[in-house]
C-alpha cells in the first residue's frame, strides 16, 4: 500500500486537527481564529464521527480497556476522583476537563483510528507540520531576550517549546529518510534545521539533555538502521547544533557540568528545582492516595508548603509549578497516579520497541523505523520532562497512541503473513516468535 491508496477519512482528518490544536496549540499563535473556537468545533465533530462510525466505537473501547491506554484511563479517573479532595476543587475540575481528559481521549482516539501503518505515518507527519509551523512563527515573530533565550511566547514558555520540539525531532528525521515523495524528504530535512535552531534559541538545558538522549537512543538502541547511518545522523545533528549555537548558548549549556553551582541545586535557592522537587515529594507522602489535586501543585506551594507561612509577614513567595513531570503527577494525583503514569510511558515505549521487531520480521523497514522514532520521542520526553511540568501534555500521550496503533496494525499484518506463508519462507524464527508473542498480547 502506498501513501495515497488508503483514504484519510473524516475521523483521521479530525484527529489531525486535534493534534495541531491540543499538542501544538497553533490556535494560540493565530489569535484571529480564536473566536471561531476551532479546537472545540473539531472535538465536537470528532465525537459525532466516532459515534456514527461502524468500527471506531468498538475499537475505542477495546483500546481503552488494555495497557498502555488503560493506564491513561486510570490517570483520568484519578484526576476526576481527586477533585473533592483537592486544595482547590474548582481548579482541579477545570484542569481535568481541559488538560487531562483531552490528552487521554486523544491518545485512545489515535490508537483506535490506526488501521494500517500508513495511518501512523500520516499522523506522525502532522506532528512534524505542527513543529515546523510553530518554529517558523516563533523565529519570525519573537525575539531572543538579553538572557539569550526566547521570551513572551504564546502558550509554551522557552523550556516547554524546547521540550515539544525535542519530542518531534525523531519523527521529523523519519520523514526525512522514509517519506516516499522527494519533496517531503527535502522539506523534512529543512524542518530538522529549523527545529534545531529554535531549540537553541530556547536556551533550555532540559531540552538539550532530551536531545542528547534522543541522539544516544539513535546511536545505541535503534535497531532499524545500519550502524553507519546511525552515526552519520548523530554527527549531522551535532554539526547542526554546533552551527546554530553561539557563545551564549554553549555558556548556558556548560552550567550542566557544574550542577552544584546552579540555583537549582538543593540549598542554593528555595525556588530551585531540587528544593521544589523535595517539597513535591513531601506532598506525595502527606497525601499518598489523592495528592493535592490535578493542576493544584502551585496552590500547594502557596498554602501548605513549609514556606507558606512567610507570606503572613508580607514576604513574597512564588507559587511554583513542579518543574518535573513525575513529581507533578505524583504530588497532584498521589502514588497511584505516579505508578499509572510511569506504567503508561514504560508500556508505551514497549509497544514502540515491539513495533520495530514486527516491522523487521515482515520486512517492512519503514514501519520498523517508525517504531524506533516513536521510542526515541518517548525517551526524549522522559528526559526533558524530568525538568518540566508536562505530565499531562497532549503531545506524549498522542505519541503513545500512535505507538499503540502502529503495533496493532503490524501485529495484524504479521499474523496474516504467518498464516498464509509456510514456515520455511515466512519469517526467521526470531521474527516468528515476535509475531506470535505480539499477536497474543495485541491491542488489535
Protein backbone atom coordinates (compact mmCIF):
# COMPACT_ATOMS: atom_id res chain seq x y z
CA UNK A 1 0.00 0.00 0.00
CA UNK A 2 1.41 3.41 -0.95
CA UNK A 3 0.85 6.77 0.67
CA UNK A 4 -2.22 7.60 -1.40
CA UNK A 5 -4.11 4.31 -1.72
CA UNK A 6 -5.60 4.33 1.79
CA UNK A 7 -8.20 7.09 2.27
CA UNK A 8 -7.59 9.65 5.01
CA UNK A 9 -11.17 9.62 6.27
CA UNK A 10 -13.10 12.14 8.38
CA UNK A 11 -12.08 10.66 11.74
CA UNK A 12 -8.36 10.78 10.98
CA UNK A 13 -8.61 14.26 9.48
CA UNK A 14 -10.30 15.49 12.64
CA UNK A 15 -7.68 13.75 14.79
CA UNK A 16 -5.02 15.61 12.80
CA UNK A 17 -6.80 18.88 13.59
CA UNK A 18 -6.97 17.92 17.28
CA UNK A 19 -3.24 17.12 17.27
CA UNK A 20 -2.49 20.59 15.95
CA UNK A 21 -4.84 22.10 18.49
CA UNK A 22 -4.14 20.22 21.70
CA UNK A 23 -0.48 19.25 21.23
CA UNK A 24 0.83 22.17 19.16
CA UNK A 25 -1.59 24.92 20.23
CA UNK A 26 -1.50 26.53 16.79
CA UNK A 27 -4.67 28.45 17.60
CA UNK A 28 -2.68 30.38 20.23
CA UNK A 29 -0.24 31.52 17.55
CA UNK A 30 -3.06 32.97 15.45
CA UNK A 31 -5.48 34.78 17.80
CA UNK A 32 -7.64 35.80 14.82
CA UNK A 33 -9.06 32.26 14.70
CA UNK A 34 -9.79 32.07 18.45
CA UNK A 35 -13.36 33.45 18.19
CA UNK A 36 -14.15 30.55 15.85
CA UNK A 37 -13.22 28.03 18.58
CA UNK A 38 -11.60 25.62 16.09
CA UNK A 39 -10.48 23.09 18.71
CA UNK A 40 -13.92 22.95 20.31
CA UNK A 41 -15.58 22.51 16.91
CA UNK A 42 -13.10 19.80 15.89
CA UNK A 43 -13.64 17.99 19.20
CA UNK A 44 -17.41 18.03 18.77
CA UNK A 45 -17.16 16.89 15.15
CA UNK A 46 -14.82 14.04 16.09
CA UNK A 47 -17.20 12.80 18.80
CA UNK A 48 -20.06 12.80 16.27
CA UNK A 49 -17.97 10.91 13.70
CA UNK A 50 -16.87 8.49 16.43
CA UNK A 51 -20.47 7.68 17.30
CA UNK A 52 -21.54 7.27 13.66
CA UNK A 53 -18.58 5.15 12.59
CA UNK A 54 -19.11 1.39 12.31
CA UNK A 55 -15.66 0.36 13.56
CA UNK A 56 -14.29 3.14 15.77
CA UNK A 57 -16.56 2.93 18.86
CA UNK A 58 -15.82 -0.75 19.44
CA UNK A 59 -12.11 -0.23 18.73
CA UNK A 60 -12.08 2.80 21.04
CA UNK A 61 -13.44 0.69 23.91
CA UNK A 62 -11.07 -2.19 23.14
CA UNK A 63 -8.02 0.09 23.18
CA UNK A 64 -9.15 1.82 26.38
CA UNK A 65 -9.50 -1.49 28.23
CA UNK A 66 -5.94 -2.68 27.59
CA UNK A 67 -2.50 -1.39 28.51
CA UNK A 68 -0.96 1.01 27.90
CA UNK A 69 -4.08 3.10 27.19
CA UNK A 70 -5.71 1.64 30.30
CA UNK A 71 -3.10 3.42 32.42
CA UNK A 72 -4.12 6.69 30.78
CA UNK A 73 -7.75 5.95 31.62
CA UNK A 74 -6.71 5.34 35.22
CA UNK A 75 -4.90 8.69 35.26
CA UNK A 76 -8.01 10.44 34.00
CA UNK A 77 -10.21 8.66 36.55
CA UNK A 78 -7.85 9.61 39.38
CA UNK A 79 -7.82 13.24 38.25
CA UNK A 80 -11.62 13.43 38.48
CA UNK A 81 -11.88 11.28 41.62
CA UNK A 82 -9.43 13.57 43.41
CA UNK A 83 -11.42 16.75 42.78
CA UNK A 84 -13.34 16.63 46.12
CA UNK A 85 -10.03 16.24 47.98
CA UNK A 86 -8.16 18.92 46.05
CA UNK A 87 -6.73 22.03 47.69
CA UNK A 88 -8.65 23.95 45.01
CA UNK A 89 -11.51 21.75 43.69
CA UNK A 90 -12.67 24.21 41.04
CA UNK A 91 -9.20 24.49 39.55
CA UNK A 92 -8.71 20.73 39.60
CA UNK A 93 -12.03 20.08 37.87
CA UNK A 94 -11.21 22.63 35.19
CA UNK A 95 -7.71 21.18 34.73
CA UNK A 96 -9.06 17.64 34.45
CA UNK A 97 -11.60 18.70 31.84
CA UNK A 98 -9.31 20.93 29.79
CA UNK A 99 -5.99 19.08 30.05
CA UNK A 100 -6.16 15.52 31.36
CA UNK A 101 -9.32 14.35 29.58
CA UNK A 102 -8.35 15.67 26.10
CA UNK A 103 -4.89 14.10 26.35
CA UNK A 104 -6.29 10.67 27.27
CA UNK A 105 -9.12 10.76 24.73
CA UNK A 106 -6.72 11.91 22.01
CA UNK A 107 -4.37 9.03 22.79
CA UNK A 108 -7.14 6.44 22.63
CA UNK A 109 -8.74 8.01 19.55
CA UNK A 110 -5.45 7.94 17.65
CA UNK A 111 -4.75 4.33 18.60
CA UNK A 112 -8.27 3.26 17.59
CA UNK A 113 -8.17 5.11 14.26
CA UNK A 114 -4.96 3.48 13.00
CA UNK A 115 -5.84 0.56 10.73
CA UNK A 116 -2.61 0.40 8.73
CA UNK A 117 0.96 1.54 9.23
CA UNK A 118 0.22 4.33 6.77
CA UNK A 119 -2.17 5.91 9.27
CA UNK A 120 0.64 6.08 11.83
CA UNK A 121 2.94 7.68 9.23
CA UNK A 122 0.40 10.36 8.39
CA UNK A 123 -0.40 11.23 11.99
CA UNK A 124 3.32 11.44 12.76
CA UNK A 125 3.70 13.79 9.79
CA UNK A 126 1.05 16.02 11.38
CA UNK A 127 3.37 16.36 14.38
CA UNK A 128 6.15 17.42 12.03
CA UNK A 129 3.90 20.03 10.41
CA UNK A 130 2.90 21.36 13.83
CA UNK A 131 6.52 21.58 14.96
CA UNK A 132 7.59 23.34 11.77
CA UNK A 133 4.75 25.88 11.82
CA UNK A 134 5.28 26.66 15.50
CA UNK A 135 9.03 27.06 14.99
CA UNK A 136 8.72 29.31 11.94
CA UNK A 137 6.20 31.56 13.66
CA UNK A 138 8.35 31.79 16.79
CA UNK A 139 11.54 32.53 14.85
CA UNK A 140 9.89 35.25 12.78
CA UNK A 141 7.71 36.84 15.45
CA UNK A 142 9.57 36.60 18.76
CA UNK A 143 12.98 37.88 19.77
CA UNK A 144 15.75 36.46 21.89
CA UNK A 145 15.97 38.41 25.17
CA UNK A 146 19.04 39.75 26.99
CA UNK A 147 19.41 36.40 28.73
CA UNK A 148 19.95 34.72 25.35
CA UNK A 149 16.57 32.98 25.35
CA UNK A 150 13.24 33.38 23.60
CA UNK A 151 10.69 35.12 25.78
CA UNK A 152 6.98 36.07 25.92
CA UNK A 153 5.93 33.14 23.75
CA UNK A 154 2.40 32.01 23.02
CA UNK A 155 1.23 29.26 25.42
CA UNK A 156 4.56 27.41 25.78
CA UNK A 157 7.46 29.12 27.51
CA UNK A 158 11.00 28.63 26.23
CA UNK A 159 11.53 25.41 28.19
CA UNK A 160 8.18 23.98 27.11
CA UNK A 161 8.84 24.83 23.47
CA UNK A 162 12.24 23.14 23.59
CA UNK A 163 10.62 20.06 25.11
CA UNK A 164 7.95 19.60 22.42
CA UNK A 165 10.45 20.17 19.62
CA UNK A 166 12.77 17.52 21.05
CA UNK A 167 9.86 15.06 21.01
CA UNK A 168 9.11 15.96 17.38
CA UNK A 169 12.69 15.64 16.08
CA UNK A 170 12.78 11.82 15.74
CA UNK A 171 9.54 11.90 13.75
CA UNK A 172 10.98 14.64 11.55
CA UNK A 173 14.08 12.55 10.92
CA UNK A 174 11.87 9.62 9.97
CA UNK A 175 10.08 11.78 7.40
CA UNK A 176 13.44 12.94 6.02
CA UNK A 177 14.55 9.36 5.46
CA UNK A 178 11.40 7.38 4.71
CA UNK A 179 8.83 9.63 3.05
CA UNK A 180 8.03 8.33 -0.42
CA UNK A 181 7.84 11.76 -2.03
CA UNK A 182 11.13 13.53 -2.66
CA UNK A 183 9.60 16.92 -1.80
CA UNK A 184 8.51 15.59 1.59
CA UNK A 185 12.01 14.30 2.33
CA UNK A 186 13.60 17.63 1.39
CA UNK A 187 11.00 19.54 3.42
CA UNK A 188 11.67 17.34 6.45
CA UNK A 189 15.42 17.93 6.11
CA UNK A 190 14.81 21.66 6.15
CA UNK A 191 12.47 21.21 9.12
CA UNK A 192 15.22 19.46 11.11
CA UNK A 193 17.44 22.54 10.73
CA UNK A 194 14.59 24.88 11.70
CA UNK A 195 13.73 22.82 14.77
CA UNK A 196 17.35 22.69 15.93
CA UNK A 197 17.75 26.45 15.52
CA UNK A 198 14.58 27.00 17.54
CA UNK A 199 15.73 24.61 20.27
CA UNK A 200 19.00 26.56 20.51
CA UNK A 201 17.14 29.84 20.84
CA UNK A 202 15.03 28.49 23.70
CA UNK A 203 18.25 28.13 25.70
CA UNK A 204 16.64 25.20 27.51
CA UNK A 205 19.05 22.91 29.31
CA UNK A 206 16.31 20.32 29.76
CA UNK A 207 15.74 20.32 26.01
CA UNK A 208 19.49 19.91 25.43
CA UNK A 209 19.58 16.87 27.72
CA UNK A 210 16.49 15.49 26.00
CA UNK A 211 18.15 15.99 22.62
CA UNK A 212 21.25 14.20 23.87
CA UNK A 213 19.05 11.29 25.00
CA UNK A 214 17.35 11.15 21.58
CA UNK A 215 20.72 11.06 19.82
CA UNK A 216 22.00 8.41 22.24
CA UNK A 217 18.94 6.27 21.53
CA UNK A 218 19.51 6.68 17.80
CA UNK A 219 23.11 5.51 18.08
CA UNK A 220 22.90 2.74 20.68
CA UNK A 221 19.31 1.48 20.77
CA UNK A 222 18.00 1.96 17.23
CA UNK A 223 17.52 -1.43 15.55
CA UNK A 224 16.03 -0.38 12.21
CA UNK A 225 19.04 1.39 10.68
CA UNK A 226 22.61 0.25 9.99
CA UNK A 227 25.31 1.47 12.35
CA UNK A 228 26.96 3.78 9.82
CA UNK A 229 23.68 5.60 9.19
CA UNK A 230 23.06 6.00 12.92
CA UNK A 231 26.48 7.53 13.50
CA UNK A 232 26.03 9.69 10.41
CA UNK A 233 22.76 11.11 11.70
CA UNK A 234 24.27 11.72 15.13
CA UNK A 235 27.22 13.53 13.54
CA UNK A 236 24.94 15.62 11.33
CA UNK A 237 22.75 16.59 14.30
CA UNK A 238 25.84 17.55 16.29
CA UNK A 239 27.22 19.70 13.49
CA UNK A 240 23.88 21.46 13.01
CA UNK A 241 23.63 22.11 16.74
CA UNK A 242 27.18 23.47 16.90
CA UNK A 243 26.48 25.69 13.92
CA UNK A 244 23.23 27.02 15.37
CA UNK A 245 24.51 27.57 18.90
CA UNK A 246 26.52 30.67 19.68
CA UNK A 247 28.74 31.56 22.61
CA UNK A 248 25.82 32.42 24.91
CA UNK A 249 24.13 29.10 24.23
CA UNK A 250 27.16 26.98 25.00
CA UNK A 251 27.88 29.07 28.08
CA UNK A 252 24.40 28.19 29.34
CA UNK A 253 24.85 24.51 28.48
CA UNK A 254 28.21 24.49 30.24
CA UNK A 255 26.42 25.04 33.55
CA UNK A 256 25.11 21.46 33.24
CA UNK A 257 28.65 20.33 34.04
CA UNK A 258 28.65 22.33 37.30
CA UNK A 259 25.30 21.42 38.89
CA UNK A 260 26.25 22.26 42.47
CA UNK A 261 26.89 25.89 41.48
CA UNK A 262 23.46 26.29 39.90
CA UNK A 263 20.50 27.86 41.72
CA UNK A 264 18.53 24.65 41.07
CA UNK A 265 20.80 22.65 43.35
CA UNK A 266 19.23 21.97 46.75
CA UNK A 267 20.27 24.53 49.32
CA UNK A 268 21.18 27.23 46.80
CA UNK A 269 17.64 28.58 46.45
CA UNK A 270 14.24 27.67 47.87
CA UNK A 271 12.84 28.24 44.40
CA UNK A 272 15.39 25.94 42.73
CA UNK A 273 14.22 22.74 41.11
CA UNK A 274 15.66 20.33 43.65
CA UNK A 275 14.07 22.20 46.54
CA UNK A 276 10.73 22.25 44.71
CA UNK A 277 11.03 18.52 43.96
CA UNK A 278 11.73 17.79 47.62
CA UNK A 279 8.60 19.68 48.67
CA UNK A 280 6.61 17.89 45.94
CA UNK A 281 7.68 14.51 47.28
CA UNK A 282 6.54 15.75 50.67
CA UNK A 283 3.06 16.48 49.29
CA UNK A 284 3.03 12.94 47.88
CA UNK A 285 3.89 11.47 51.27
CA UNK A 286 1.36 13.65 53.10
CA UNK A 287 -1.43 12.83 50.64
CA UNK A 288 -0.43 9.41 49.25
CA UNK A 289 -3.78 8.41 47.76
CA UNK A 290 -5.32 11.63 46.46
CA UNK A 291 -2.48 14.10 46.09
CA UNK A 292 -3.11 17.85 46.26
CA UNK A 293 -5.41 17.77 43.23
CA UNK A 294 -4.89 17.87 39.47
CA UNK A 295 -3.29 21.14 38.45
CA UNK A 296 -3.02 22.30 42.08
CA UNK A 297 0.73 21.93 42.70
CA UNK A 298 1.24 25.70 42.72
CA UNK A 299 -1.63 26.04 45.21
CA UNK A 300 0.17 23.59 47.50
CA UNK A 301 3.32 25.70 47.22
CA UNK A 302 1.42 28.78 48.37
CA UNK A 303 -0.74 27.20 51.08
CA UNK A 304 0.70 24.06 52.68
CA UNK A 305 4.41 24.15 51.84
CA UNK A 306 6.97 24.77 54.62
CA UNK A 307 7.49 28.22 53.08
CA UNK A 308 3.86 29.28 53.02
CA UNK A 309 3.92 30.89 56.50
CA UNK A 310 6.35 33.61 55.39
CA UNK A 311 3.51 35.27 53.47
CA UNK A 312 1.80 36.39 56.69
CA UNK A 313 4.82 38.60 57.32
CA UNK A 314 4.49 40.32 53.97
CA UNK A 315 7.24 38.27 52.35
CA UNK A 316 6.58 37.36 48.74
CA UNK A 317 6.51 33.70 47.73
CA UNK A 318 6.46 32.17 44.27
CA UNK A 319 3.64 29.68 43.88
CA UNK A 320 5.84 27.42 41.78
CA UNK A 321 4.99 24.60 39.42
CA UNK A 322 6.66 21.22 39.97
CA UNK A 323 9.35 21.56 37.26
CA UNK A 324 9.28 17.76 36.97
CA UNK A 325 6.57 15.71 35.24
CA UNK A 326 6.96 12.74 37.58
CA UNK A 327 6.86 14.87 40.74
CA UNK A 328 3.94 16.81 39.26
CA UNK A 329 1.81 13.73 38.64
CA UNK A 330 2.74 12.10 41.95
CA UNK A 331 2.10 15.22 44.01
CA UNK A 332 -1.18 16.04 42.25
CA UNK A 333 -2.66 12.51 41.95
CA UNK A 334 -0.81 10.62 44.68
CA UNK A 335 1.22 7.42 44.38
CA UNK A 336 -1.47 5.61 42.32
CA UNK A 337 -1.27 8.38 39.74
CA UNK A 338 2.52 8.25 39.64
CA UNK A 339 2.51 4.47 39.15
CA UNK A 340 -0.08 4.72 36.36
CA UNK A 341 1.92 7.50 34.66
CA UNK A 342 5.16 5.54 34.78
CA UNK A 343 3.40 2.41 33.53
CA UNK A 344 1.89 4.39 30.64
CA UNK A 345 5.31 5.55 29.49
CA UNK A 346 7.04 2.21 30.09
CA UNK A 347 4.44 0.09 28.29
CA UNK A 348 4.05 2.70 25.55
CA UNK A 349 7.80 2.53 24.96
CA UNK A 350 7.49 -1.24 24.89
CA UNK A 351 4.79 -1.06 22.18
CA UNK A 352 7.06 1.14 20.06
CA UNK A 353 10.01 -1.22 20.51
CA UNK A 354 7.92 -4.27 19.66
CA UNK A 355 6.72 -2.50 16.53
CA UNK A 356 10.37 -2.35 15.47
CA UNK A 357 10.70 -6.12 15.85
CA UNK A 358 7.47 -6.76 13.97
CA UNK A 359 8.44 -4.41 11.16
CA UNK A 360 11.77 -6.13 10.70
CA UNK A 361 10.13 -9.56 10.91
CA UNK A 362 7.83 -8.85 7.96
CA UNK A 363 10.50 -6.96 6.02
CA UNK A 364 8.92 -3.52 6.47
CA UNK A 365 11.83 -1.25 7.40
CA UNK A 366 9.73 1.89 7.15
CA UNK A 367 7.40 0.60 9.88
CA UNK A 368 10.36 -0.58 11.96
CA UNK A 369 11.98 2.85 11.63
CA UNK A 370 8.72 4.49 12.70
CA UNK A 371 8.72 2.33 15.82
CA UNK A 372 12.24 3.49 16.63
CA UNK A 373 11.25 7.13 16.00
CA UNK A 374 8.31 6.85 18.40
CA UNK A 375 10.51 5.18 21.01
CA UNK A 376 13.12 7.94 20.67
CA UNK A 377 10.39 10.56 21.10
CA UNK A 378 9.25 8.95 24.34
CA UNK A 379 12.84 8.75 25.58
CA UNK A 380 13.25 12.46 24.80
CA UNK A 381 10.03 13.18 26.68
CA UNK A 382 11.11 11.21 29.74
CA UNK A 383 14.41 13.10 29.95
CA UNK A 384 13.18 16.61 29.07
CA UNK A 385 10.02 16.08 31.10
CA UNK A 386 12.13 15.38 34.17
CA UNK A 387 12.79 19.14 34.29
CA UNK A 388 9.34 20.40 33.24
CA UNK A 389 5.75 20.16 34.43
CA UNK A 390 4.45 18.33 31.35
CA UNK A 391 2.89 15.28 32.97
CA UNK A 392 -0.43 15.92 31.23
CA UNK A 393 0.82 17.37 27.95
CA UNK A 394 -1.18 16.07 24.99
CA UNK A 395 1.96 15.54 22.90
CA UNK A 396 3.48 12.48 24.64
CA UNK A 397 0.04 10.92 25.08
CA UNK A 398 -0.53 11.25 21.34
CA UNK A 399 2.83 9.59 20.64
CA UNK A 400 1.87 6.67 22.88
CA UNK A 401 -1.39 6.48 20.90
CA UNK A 402 0.50 6.23 17.61
CA UNK A 403 2.75 3.54 19.10
CA UNK A 404 -0.29 1.51 20.20
CA UNK A 405 -1.91 1.83 16.78
CA UNK A 406 1.27 1.03 14.84
CA UNK A 407 1.94 -2.04 16.95
CA UNK A 408 -1.63 -3.29 16.49
CA UNK A 409 -1.53 -2.68 12.72
CA UNK A 410 1.77 -4.53 12.36
CA UNK A 411 0.50 -7.38 14.52
CA UNK A 412 -2.48 -7.83 12.18
CA UNK A 413 -0.21 -7.65 9.15
CA UNK A 414 2.34 -10.06 10.59
CA UNK A 415 -0.27 -12.54 11.81
CA UNK A 416 -1.77 -12.66 8.33
CA UNK A 417 1.64 -13.28 6.80
CA UNK A 418 2.32 -16.04 9.32
CA UNK A 419 -0.95 -17.78 8.50
CA UNK A 420 -0.64 -17.75 4.71
CA UNK A 421 3.08 -18.48 4.32
CA UNK A 422 4.78 -21.80 5.08
CA UNK A 423 7.28 -21.81 7.90
CA UNK A 424 10.21 -22.23 5.52
CA UNK A 425 9.55 -18.96 3.71
CA UNK A 426 7.57 -16.84 6.14
CA UNK A 427 9.96 -15.16 8.52
CA UNK A 428 13.08 -16.02 10.54
CA UNK A 429 12.45 -17.89 13.77
CA UNK A 430 13.12 -14.80 15.91
CA UNK A 431 10.63 -12.83 13.81
CA UNK A 432 8.13 -15.70 14.01
CA UNK A 433 8.38 -15.77 17.81
CA UNK A 434 7.96 -11.99 17.98
CA UNK A 435 4.86 -12.13 15.78
CA UNK A 436 3.27 -14.88 17.84
CA UNK A 437 4.07 -13.07 21.09
CA UNK A 438 2.69 -9.74 19.81
CA UNK A 439 -0.42 -11.39 18.41
CA UNK A 440 -1.10 -12.98 21.79
CA UNK A 441 -0.68 -9.63 23.54
CA UNK A 442 -2.12 -7.47 20.79
CA UNK A 443 -4.40 -4.48 21.34
CA UNK A 444 -5.88 -5.14 17.92
